[in-house]
């Protein structure tokens, strides 16, 4: 959705995850027009978020230089 934002990508992703927690909403998967019938994952297709009570979100981040990080955020 935002392209490669290089060093800011982790902060942008964490902000989106915190907003999802605060709003109790799963953001949509952009550019998903047609689901693969052989893939049984529950994607949020379209442009509208799906309301869902969230307690924990996990983020996995990788950059072009090969660095990887994981962050788990949650509510109490």
Protein backbone atom coordinates (compact mmCIF):
# COMPACT_ATOMS: atom_id res chain seq x y z
CA UNK A 1 0.00 0.00 0.00
CA UNK A 2 2.85 2.38 0.81
CA UNK A 3 5.65 0.81 -1.19
CA UNK A 4 9.07 0.39 0.38
CA UNK A 5 9.42 3.05 3.06
CA UNK A 6 12.85 1.71 4.08
CA UNK A 7 13.73 2.65 7.69
CA UNK A 8 10.22 3.92 8.45
CA UNK A 9 8.48 0.65 7.54
CA UNK A 10 8.66 -0.81 11.05
CA UNK A 11 7.23 2.34 12.63
CA UNK A 12 4.43 2.51 10.04
CA UNK A 13 3.57 -1.15 10.58
CA UNK A 14 3.56 -0.75 14.38
CA UNK A 15 1.32 2.32 14.08
CA UNK A 16 -1.15 0.42 11.88
CA UNK A 17 -1.17 -2.47 14.37
CA UNK A 18 -1.77 -0.15 17.33
CA UNK A 19 -4.64 1.53 15.48
CA UNK A 20 -6.12 -1.89 14.69
CA UNK A 21 -5.95 -2.77 18.39
CA UNK A 22 -7.51 0.53 19.43
CA UNK A 23 -10.30 0.40 16.84
CA UNK A 24 -10.90 -3.37 17.18
CA UNK A 25 -10.67 -3.77 13.42
CA UNK A 26 -8.74 -5.92 10.97
CA UNK A 27 -7.48 -3.78 8.08
CA UNK A 28 -8.21 -5.05 4.56
CA UNK A 29 -5.68 -6.75 2.31
CA UNK A 30 -5.16 -4.33 -0.57
CA UNK A 31 -5.30 -5.48 -4.19
CA UNK A 32 -7.03 -8.74 -3.29
CA UNK A 33 -9.78 -8.97 -5.86
CA UNK A 34 -10.08 -12.74 -6.25
CA UNK A 35 -9.30 -15.37 -3.63
CA UNK A 36 -7.46 -18.54 -4.56
CA UNK A 37 -9.89 -21.41 -3.88
CA UNK A 38 -6.98 -23.63 -2.81
CA UNK A 39 -5.87 -21.14 -0.12
CA UNK A 40 -8.05 -21.40 2.96
CA UNK A 41 -6.71 -18.33 4.78
CA UNK A 42 -9.24 -15.82 6.05
CA UNK A 43 -8.19 -12.65 4.25
CA UNK A 44 -10.06 -9.38 4.72
CA UNK A 45 -10.77 -8.67 1.06
CA UNK A 46 -12.09 -5.39 -0.28
CA UNK A 47 -11.68 -1.90 1.09
CA UNK A 48 -13.53 -2.08 4.42
CA UNK A 49 -12.00 -3.21 7.68
CA UNK A 50 -13.64 -6.08 9.55
CA UNK A 51 -14.68 -5.38 13.13
CA UNK A 52 -13.10 -7.90 15.46
CA UNK A 53 -12.04 -7.68 19.10
CA UNK A 54 -8.24 -7.93 19.09
CA UNK A 55 -6.12 -8.58 22.16
CA UNK A 56 -2.74 -9.33 20.56
CA UNK A 57 -1.11 -8.62 17.20
CA UNK A 58 2.19 -10.00 15.92
CA UNK A 59 4.35 -8.15 13.39
CA UNK A 60 7.14 -9.64 11.32
CA UNK A 61 9.40 -7.22 9.52
CA UNK A 62 12.26 -7.73 7.08
CA UNK A 63 14.28 -5.18 5.15
CA UNK A 64 16.21 -5.35 1.90
CA UNK A 65 19.52 -5.71 3.74
CA UNK A 66 18.40 -8.95 5.38
CA UNK A 67 17.60 -7.70 8.90
CA UNK A 68 14.55 -9.29 10.47
CA UNK A 69 12.55 -8.39 13.57
CA UNK A 70 9.38 -9.51 15.33
CA UNK A 71 7.18 -7.45 17.63
CA UNK A 72 4.15 -8.56 19.65
CA UNK A 73 1.73 -5.90 20.87
CA UNK A 74 -1.24 -6.47 23.11
CA UNK A 75 -3.88 -5.03 25.37
CA UNK A 76 -4.44 -5.87 29.00
